[in-house]
Amino acid sequence: MLRTDSRRGSALIRTMFSTMLGMLVATMVALGLEFVGKRVFPLPAGSLAADASPADLIAAAPIGMLLFVVAGRLCGALCGAWVAARLARRHSMTAAMTVGALVLLSCALDAWMLPQPLWMLLLGVVAPLPLAWCGGQLACRGSAPTP
């Protein structure tokens, strides 16, 4: 009896840590693609004052830069969910979907704090959960079940 409870507890801890690591990967992927987008599509020189607000920066940003931001979030949801599901073992889809829900929450909070184009909001709210499910399924397909 004690051994079963210990095994259940270790599975819970493993799932929690895999979810945290999945979110770390999702954040790194999102920030990496945002960085690339800012390098490939820089803001026009002299278009904004030095003390411009973040809302002004988003309004002046080229569409390519915004596409990289959305692509970063969505690729982050997929990659982070894959990592979480791959490491969780027992509750792999729960870990993957938790990463997707957290990415969705971060997109919604970002849209609440900063005005964005409607297409960014819609993609940020609709796509993370299906992509997290895909990431979880990809991770589950490549791993053998554990006893």
N, C-alpha and C. Protein backbone atom coordinates (compact mmCIF):
# COMPACT_ATOMS: atom_id res chain seq x y z
N MET A 1 0.82 -1.19 0.00
CA MET A 1 0.00 0.00 0.00
C MET A 1 0.86 1.25 0.00
N LEU A 2 1.84 1.25 0.83
CA LEU A 2 2.73 2.41 0.92
C LEU A 2 3.50 2.58 -0.39
N ARG A 3 3.86 1.47 -1.00
CA ARG A 3 4.61 1.54 -2.25
C ARG A 3 3.76 2.13 -3.37
N THR A 4 2.48 1.81 -3.43
CA THR A 4 1.59 2.37 -4.44
C THR A 4 1.45 3.87 -4.26
N ASP A 5 1.28 4.34 -3.03
CA ASP A 5 1.17 5.77 -2.79
C ASP A 5 2.46 6.49 -3.16
N SER A 6 3.59 5.86 -2.90
CA SER A 6 4.88 6.45 -3.25
C SER A 6 5.02 6.55 -4.76
N ARG A 7 4.59 5.55 -5.48
CA ARG A 7 4.66 5.55 -6.94
C ARG A 7 3.75 6.62 -7.52
N ARG A 8 2.56 6.77 -6.94
CA ARG A 8 1.61 7.77 -7.40
C ARG A 8 2.16 9.17 -7.16
N GLY A 9 2.78 9.36 -6.00
CA GLY A 9 3.38 10.66 -5.69
C GLY A 9 4.53 11.00 -6.60
N SER A 10 5.35 10.02 -6.92
CA SER A 10 6.48 10.30 -7.81
C SER A 10 5.99 10.59 -9.23
N ALA A 11 4.89 9.96 -9.66
CA ALA A 11 4.33 10.26 -10.98
C ALA A 11 3.78 11.69 -11.02
N LEU A 12 3.17 12.12 -9.92
CA LEU A 12 2.65 13.49 -9.84
C LEU A 12 3.78 14.50 -9.90
N ILE A 13 4.83 14.25 -9.16
CA ILE A 13 5.98 15.15 -9.15
C ILE A 13 6.64 15.18 -10.52
N ARG A 14 6.76 14.02 -11.14
CA ARG A 14 7.36 13.96 -12.48
C ARG A 14 6.50 14.74 -13.48
N THR A 15 5.18 14.62 -13.38
CA THR A 15 4.29 15.35 -14.27
C THR A 15 4.41 16.85 -14.06
N MET A 16 4.50 17.28 -12.80
CA MET A 16 4.63 18.71 -12.52
C MET A 16 5.94 19.25 -13.08
N PHE A 17 7.04 18.54 -12.86
CA PHE A 17 8.32 19.02 -13.37
C PHE A 17 8.37 18.97 -14.89
N SER A 18 7.75 17.98 -15.50
CA SER A 18 7.74 17.93 -16.96
C SER A 18 6.91 19.08 -17.53
N THR A 19 5.83 19.45 -16.85
CA THR A 19 5.03 20.59 -17.28
C THR A 19 5.83 21.89 -17.16
N MET A 20 6.56 22.05 -16.07
CA MET A 20 7.39 23.25 -15.91
C MET A 20 8.47 23.31 -16.98
N LEU A 21 9.10 22.18 -17.25
CA LEU A 21 10.14 22.16 -18.27
C LEU A 21 9.53 22.42 -19.65
N GLY A 22 8.34 21.89 -19.89
CA GLY A 22 7.64 22.15 -21.15
C GLY A 22 7.33 23.63 -21.32
N MET A 23 6.93 24.30 -20.25
CA MET A 23 6.67 25.74 -20.33
C MET A 23 7.96 26.51 -20.56
N LEU A 24 9.05 26.05 -19.97
CA LEU A 24 10.34 26.70 -20.21
C LEU A 24 10.72 26.58 -21.68
N VAL A 25 10.54 25.42 -22.26
CA VAL A 25 10.83 25.21 -23.68
C VAL A 25 9.90 26.07 -24.54
N ALA A 26 8.62 26.11 -24.20
CA ALA A 26 7.66 26.92 -24.96
C ALA A 26 8.06 28.40 -24.93
N THR A 27 8.48 28.88 -23.78
CA THR A 27 8.90 30.27 -23.65
C THR A 27 10.17 30.54 -24.46
N MET A 28 11.12 29.62 -24.39
CA MET A 28 12.37 29.80 -25.14
C MET A 28 12.12 29.81 -26.65
N VAL A 29 11.26 28.93 -27.12
CA VAL A 29 10.94 28.89 -28.55
C VAL A 29 10.24 30.18 -28.97
N ALA A 30 9.26 30.61 -28.17
CA ALA A 30 8.52 31.83 -28.49
C ALA A 30 9.45 33.05 -28.52
N LEU A 31 10.28 33.18 -27.51
CA LEU A 31 11.20 34.33 -27.46
C LEU A 31 12.24 34.26 -28.57
N GLY A 32 12.69 33.06 -28.90
CA GLY A 32 13.65 32.90 -29.98
C GLY A 32 13.08 33.34 -31.32
N LEU A 33 11.86 32.92 -31.62
CA LEU A 33 11.25 33.33 -32.88
C LEU A 33 10.91 34.82 -32.88
N GLU A 34 10.52 35.36 -31.74
CA GLU A 34 10.29 36.81 -31.66
C GLU A 34 11.59 37.57 -31.95
N PHE A 35 12.69 37.08 -31.42
CA PHE A 35 13.99 37.71 -31.65
C PHE A 35 14.34 37.67 -33.14
N VAL A 36 14.13 36.52 -33.77
CA VAL A 36 14.40 36.40 -35.20
C VAL A 36 13.50 37.35 -35.99
N GLY A 37 12.24 37.43 -35.61
CA GLY A 37 11.31 38.33 -36.29
C GLY A 37 11.71 39.78 -36.18
N LYS A 38 12.25 40.18 -35.03
CA LYS A 38 12.70 41.56 -34.87
C LYS A 38 13.95 41.84 -35.68
N ARG A 39 14.76 40.83 -35.91
CA ARG A 39 15.97 41.01 -36.73
C ARG A 39 15.62 41.03 -38.22
N VAL A 40 14.71 40.18 -38.63
CA VAL A 40 14.35 40.09 -40.04
C VAL A 40 13.46 41.27 -40.46
N PHE A 41 12.54 41.67 -39.58
CA PHE A 41 11.62 42.77 -39.86
C PHE A 41 11.75 43.84 -38.78
N PRO A 42 12.81 44.65 -38.84
CA PRO A 42 12.98 45.67 -37.81
C PRO A 42 11.95 46.80 -37.95
N LEU A 43 11.76 47.53 -36.86
CA LEU A 43 10.89 48.71 -36.91
C LEU A 43 11.53 49.74 -37.84
N PRO A 44 10.72 50.50 -38.55
CA PRO A 44 11.28 51.54 -39.41
C PRO A 44 12.07 52.56 -38.58
N ALA A 45 13.22 52.95 -39.09
CA ALA A 45 14.08 53.89 -38.36
C ALA A 45 13.39 55.24 -38.21
N GLY A 46 13.43 55.76 -37.00
CA GLY A 46 12.88 57.07 -36.71
C GLY A 46 11.37 57.15 -36.71
N SER A 47 10.69 56.00 -36.74
CA SER A 47 9.22 56.03 -36.78
C SER A 47 8.60 56.27 -35.42
N LEU A 48 9.34 56.00 -34.35
CA LEU A 48 8.80 56.17 -33.00
C LEU A 48 9.78 56.96 -32.14
N ALA A 49 9.21 57.64 -31.18
CA ALA A 49 10.04 58.35 -30.20
C ALA A 49 10.70 57.33 -29.27
N ALA A 50 11.75 57.75 -28.60
CA ALA A 50 12.47 56.84 -27.70
C ALA A 50 11.61 56.38 -26.53
N ASP A 51 10.64 57.18 -26.14
CA ASP A 51 9.80 56.82 -24.99
C ASP A 51 8.42 56.32 -25.42
N ALA A 52 8.35 55.66 -26.57
CA ALA A 52 7.08 55.17 -27.09
C ALA A 52 6.55 54.04 -26.21
N SER A 53 5.25 53.97 -26.10
CA SER A 53 4.61 52.92 -25.30
C SER A 53 4.62 51.60 -26.07
N PRO A 54 4.46 50.48 -25.37
CA PRO A 54 4.39 49.19 -26.07
C PRO A 54 3.24 49.12 -27.07
N ALA A 55 2.12 49.80 -26.79
CA ALA A 55 1.01 49.81 -27.73
C ALA A 55 1.40 50.51 -29.03
N ASP A 56 2.20 51.58 -28.94
CA ASP A 56 2.68 52.27 -30.13
C ASP A 56 3.64 51.38 -30.93
N LEU A 57 4.46 50.62 -30.20
CA LEU A 57 5.39 49.72 -30.87
C LEU A 57 4.65 48.65 -31.67
N ILE A 58 3.59 48.09 -31.09
CA ILE A 58 2.81 47.06 -31.79
C ILE A 58 2.10 47.66 -33.00
N ALA A 59 1.58 48.89 -32.84
CA ALA A 59 0.89 49.54 -33.95
C ALA A 59 1.84 49.83 -35.11
N ALA A 60 3.10 50.13 -34.82
CA ALA A 60 4.07 50.47 -35.86
C ALA A 60 4.83 49.25 -36.38
N ALA A 61 4.65 48.11 -35.77
CA ALA A 61 5.42 46.92 -36.16
C ALA A 61 4.99 46.42 -37.53
N PRO A 62 5.96 45.99 -38.33
CA PRO A 62 5.62 45.39 -39.63
C PRO A 62 4.85 44.08 -39.43
N ILE A 63 4.05 43.74 -40.41
CA ILE A 63 3.23 42.53 -40.31
C ILE A 63 4.10 41.27 -40.18
N GLY A 64 5.26 41.28 -40.80
CA GLY A 64 6.17 40.13 -40.70
C GLY A 64 6.64 39.90 -39.28
N MET A 65 6.92 40.98 -38.56
CA MET A 65 7.34 40.84 -37.17
C MET A 65 6.21 40.25 -36.33
N LEU A 66 4.99 40.71 -36.57
CA LEU A 66 3.85 40.17 -35.81
C LEU A 66 3.60 38.70 -36.16
N LEU A 67 3.82 38.33 -37.42
CA LEU A 67 3.68 36.92 -37.80
C LEU A 67 4.70 36.05 -37.06
N PHE A 68 5.92 36.56 -36.89
CA PHE A 68 6.92 35.81 -36.14
C PHE A 68 6.52 35.69 -34.67
N VAL A 69 5.90 36.71 -34.11
CA VAL A 69 5.44 36.64 -32.72
C VAL A 69 4.41 35.53 -32.56
N VAL A 70 3.42 35.52 -33.46
CA VAL A 70 2.38 34.48 -33.39
C VAL A 70 2.97 33.11 -33.66
N ALA A 71 3.85 33.01 -34.65
CA ALA A 71 4.49 31.72 -34.95
C ALA A 71 5.30 31.23 -33.75
N GLY A 72 5.95 32.14 -33.05
CA GLY A 72 6.71 31.76 -31.86
C GLY A 72 5.82 31.18 -30.77
N ARG A 73 4.69 31.81 -30.54
CA ARG A 73 3.76 31.30 -29.52
C ARG A 73 3.24 29.92 -29.90
N LEU A 74 2.86 29.77 -31.17
CA LEU A 74 2.26 28.50 -31.59
C LEU A 74 3.30 27.38 -31.67
N CYS A 75 4.48 27.68 -32.17
CA CYS A 75 5.55 26.67 -32.17
C CYS A 75 5.97 26.34 -30.74
N GLY A 76 5.94 27.35 -29.88
CA GLY A 76 6.24 27.12 -28.47
C GLY A 76 5.24 26.18 -27.83
N ALA A 77 3.95 26.35 -28.16
CA ALA A 77 2.93 25.44 -27.61
C ALA A 77 3.18 24.01 -28.08
N LEU A 78 3.50 23.84 -29.35
CA LEU A 78 3.75 22.50 -29.89
C LEU A 78 5.00 21.87 -29.26
N CYS A 79 6.09 22.60 -29.28
CA CYS A 79 7.36 22.06 -28.76
C CYS A 79 7.31 21.83 -27.24
N GLY A 80 6.74 22.80 -26.53
CA GLY A 80 6.63 22.66 -25.08
C GLY A 80 5.75 21.49 -24.67
N ALA A 81 4.65 21.30 -25.40
CA ALA A 81 3.76 20.17 -25.11
C ALA A 81 4.46 18.85 -25.41
N TRP A 82 5.23 18.81 -26.49
CA TRP A 82 5.96 17.60 -26.82
C TRP A 82 6.95 17.25 -25.71
N VAL A 83 7.69 18.24 -25.24
CA VAL A 83 8.67 17.99 -24.18
C VAL A 83 7.97 17.54 -22.91
N ALA A 84 6.89 18.22 -22.54
CA ALA A 84 6.17 17.85 -21.32
C ALA A 84 5.62 16.43 -21.40
N ALA A 85 5.02 16.09 -22.53
CA ALA A 85 4.44 14.75 -22.68
C ALA A 85 5.53 13.68 -22.72
N ARG A 86 6.63 13.99 -23.35
CA ARG A 86 7.72 13.02 -23.46
C ARG A 86 8.34 12.69 -22.10
N LEU A 87 8.42 13.70 -21.24
CA LEU A 87 9.04 13.50 -19.93
C LEU A 87 8.07 13.00 -18.87
N ALA A 88 6.78 13.23 -19.04
CA ALA A 88 5.81 12.91 -17.98
C ALA A 88 5.58 11.42 -17.81
N ARG A 89 5.66 10.65 -18.83
CA ARG A 89 5.41 9.20 -18.85
C ARG A 89 3.96 8.85 -18.56
N ARG A 90 3.54 8.91 -17.31
CA ARG A 90 2.23 8.38 -16.93
C ARG A 90 1.08 9.29 -17.35
N HIS A 91 1.18 10.57 -17.09
CA HIS A 91 0.11 11.53 -17.41
C HIS A 91 0.59 12.46 -18.53
N SER A 92 1.00 11.88 -19.63
CA SER A 92 1.65 12.66 -20.67
C SER A 92 0.70 13.66 -21.33
N MET A 93 -0.50 13.27 -21.64
CA MET A 93 -1.42 14.21 -22.30
C MET A 93 -1.88 15.30 -21.33
N THR A 94 -1.97 14.99 -20.06
CA THR A 94 -2.31 16.02 -19.08
C THR A 94 -1.21 17.09 -19.04
N ALA A 95 0.03 16.66 -19.05
CA ALA A 95 1.14 17.62 -19.04
C ALA A 95 1.14 18.44 -20.33
N ALA A 96 0.92 17.79 -21.47
CA ALA A 96 0.91 18.49 -22.75
C ALA A 96 -0.21 19.52 -22.81
N MET A 97 -1.40 19.14 -22.40
CA MET A 97 -2.53 20.06 -22.46
C MET A 97 -2.41 21.18 -21.43
N THR A 98 -1.74 20.91 -20.33
CA THR A 98 -1.50 21.98 -19.35
C THR A 98 -0.58 23.04 -19.96
N VAL A 99 0.45 22.61 -20.67
CA VAL A 99 1.33 23.56 -21.35
C VAL A 99 0.52 24.37 -22.37
N GLY A 100 -0.33 23.71 -23.14
CA GLY A 100 -1.17 24.42 -24.10
C GLY A 100 -2.09 25.42 -23.43
N ALA A 101 -2.68 25.05 -22.30
CA ALA A 101 -3.56 25.97 -21.59
C ALA A 101 -2.79 27.17 -21.04
N LEU A 102 -1.57 26.93 -20.58
CA LEU A 102 -0.76 28.04 -20.08
C LEU A 102 -0.32 28.98 -21.20
N VAL A 103 -0.01 28.43 -22.37
CA VAL A 103 0.31 29.28 -23.52
C VAL A 103 -0.92 30.08 -23.93
N LEU A 104 -2.09 29.44 -23.95
CA LEU A 104 -3.33 30.15 -24.26
C LEU A 104 -3.56 31.28 -23.26
N LEU A 105 -3.35 31.00 -21.98
CA LEU A 105 -3.53 32.02 -20.95
C LEU A 105 -2.57 33.19 -21.15
N SER A 106 -1.33 32.88 -21.51
CA SER A 106 -0.36 33.96 -21.73
C SER A 106 -0.74 34.80 -22.95
N CYS A 107 -1.27 34.18 -24.00
CA CYS A 107 -1.72 34.93 -25.17
C CYS A 107 -2.91 35.83 -24.83
N ALA A 108 -3.83 35.29 -24.04
CA ALA A 108 -4.99 36.08 -23.64
C ALA A 108 -4.60 37.26 -22.74
N LEU A 109 -3.68 37.02 -21.81
CA LEU A 109 -3.22 38.11 -20.95
C LEU A 109 -2.46 39.16 -21.74
N ASP A 110 -1.67 38.72 -22.71
CA ASP A 110 -0.94 39.65 -23.56
C ASP A 110 -1.92 40.52 -24.35
N ALA A 111 -2.96 39.91 -24.90
CA ALA A 111 -3.97 40.66 -25.65
C ALA A 111 -4.76 41.61 -24.75
N TRP A 112 -4.95 41.23 -23.51
CA TRP A 112 -5.67 42.08 -22.56
C TRP A 112 -4.83 43.30 -22.18
N MET A 113 -3.51 43.11 -22.05
CA MET A 113 -2.64 44.21 -21.63
C MET A 113 -2.24 45.11 -22.79
N LEU A 114 -2.07 44.56 -23.98
CA LEU A 114 -1.61 45.33 -25.13
C LEU A 114 -2.58 45.18 -26.29
N PRO A 115 -2.98 46.28 -26.90
CA PRO A 115 -3.86 46.16 -28.07
C PRO A 115 -3.12 45.47 -29.22
N GLN A 116 -3.79 44.51 -29.82
CA GLN A 116 -3.21 43.74 -30.92
C GLN A 116 -4.22 43.66 -32.05
N PRO A 117 -3.74 43.31 -33.24
CA PRO A 117 -4.69 43.06 -34.33
C PRO A 117 -5.57 41.85 -33.97
N LEU A 118 -6.77 41.86 -34.50
CA LEU A 118 -7.73 40.80 -34.18
C LEU A 118 -7.21 39.42 -34.58
N TRP A 119 -6.51 39.31 -35.71
CA TRP A 119 -6.01 38.00 -36.15
C TRP A 119 -5.01 37.43 -35.16
N MET A 120 -4.21 38.29 -34.52
CA MET A 120 -3.26 37.81 -33.51
C MET A 120 -4.01 37.24 -32.30
N LEU A 121 -5.04 37.95 -31.88
CA LEU A 121 -5.84 37.49 -30.75
C LEU A 121 -6.50 36.15 -31.06
N LEU A 122 -7.11 36.05 -32.24
CA LEU A 122 -7.81 34.81 -32.59
C LEU A 122 -6.86 33.62 -32.69
N LEU A 123 -5.73 33.81 -33.35
CA LEU A 123 -4.76 32.71 -33.44
C LEU A 123 -4.20 32.34 -32.07
N GLY A 124 -3.97 33.34 -31.23
CA GLY A 124 -3.41 33.08 -29.91
C GLY A 124 -4.37 32.38 -28.97
N VAL A 125 -5.68 32.53 -29.23
CA VAL A 125 -6.67 31.90 -28.35
C VAL A 125 -7.16 30.56 -28.91
N VAL A 126 -7.20 30.43 -30.22
CA VAL A 126 -7.76 29.22 -30.83
C VAL A 126 -6.72 28.11 -31.01
N ALA A 127 -5.50 28.46 -31.39
CA ALA A 127 -4.54 27.45 -31.83
C ALA A 127 -3.70 26.75 -30.76
N PRO A 128 -3.40 27.33 -29.60
CA PRO A 128 -2.48 26.64 -28.68
C PRO A 128 -2.96 25.27 -28.19
N LEU A 129 -4.23 25.11 -27.88
CA LEU A 129 -4.70 23.82 -27.38
C LEU A 129 -4.64 22.71 -28.43
N PRO A 130 -5.10 22.94 -29.67
CA PRO A 130 -4.93 21.89 -30.68
C PRO A 130 -3.46 21.56 -30.96
N LEU A 131 -2.60 22.57 -30.96
CA LEU A 131 -1.18 22.30 -31.19
C LEU A 131 -0.56 21.56 -30.01
N ALA A 132 -1.00 21.87 -28.81
CA ALA A 132 -0.51 21.13 -27.64
C ALA A 132 -0.97 19.67 -27.71
N TRP A 133 -2.19 19.45 -28.16
CA TRP A 133 -2.68 18.09 -28.32
C TRP A 133 -1.83 17.34 -29.35
N CYS A 134 -1.51 18.03 -30.46
CA CYS A 134 -0.65 17.41 -31.49
C CYS A 134 0.73 17.09 -30.92
N GLY A 135 1.29 18.01 -30.16
CA GLY A 135 2.59 17.76 -29.54
C GLY A 135 2.55 16.58 -28.58
N GLY A 136 1.47 16.49 -27.80
CA GLY A 136 1.32 15.36 -26.89
C GLY A 136 1.17 14.05 -27.63
N GLN A 137 0.41 14.07 -28.72
CA GLN A 137 0.23 12.85 -29.51
C GLN A 137 1.53 12.42 -30.17
N LEU A 138 2.30 13.38 -30.65
CA LEU A 138 3.60 13.04 -31.27
C LEU A 138 4.54 12.41 -30.23
N ALA A 139 4.52 12.94 -29.02
CA ALA A 139 5.38 12.39 -27.97
C ALA A 139 4.92 11.00 -27.55
N CYS A 140 3.61 10.80 -27.47
CA CYS A 140 3.08 9.50 -27.05
C CYS A 140 3.31 8.44 -28.12
N ARG A 141 3.28 8.84 -29.36
CA ARG A 141 3.47 7.89 -30.45
C ARG A 141 4.89 7.31 -30.45
N GLY A 142 5.86 8.13 -30.07
CA GLY A 142 7.24 7.69 -30.13
C GLY A 142 7.74 6.98 -28.87
N SER A 143 6.90 6.87 -27.84
CA SER A 143 7.37 6.25 -26.60
C SER A 143 6.58 4.99 -26.30
N ALA A 144 7.25 4.05 -25.70
CA ALA A 144 6.59 2.80 -25.30
C ALA A 144 5.92 3.01 -23.95
N PRO A 145 4.78 2.38 -23.70
CA PRO A 145 4.11 2.52 -22.40
C PRO A 145 4.96 1.93 -21.28
N THR A 146 4.90 2.59 -20.13
CA THR A 146 5.65 2.12 -18.97
C THR A 146 4.69 1.45 -17.99
N PRO A 147 5.15 0.44 -17.28
CA PRO A 147 4.26 -0.26 -16.34
C PRO A 147 3.90 0.58 -15.14
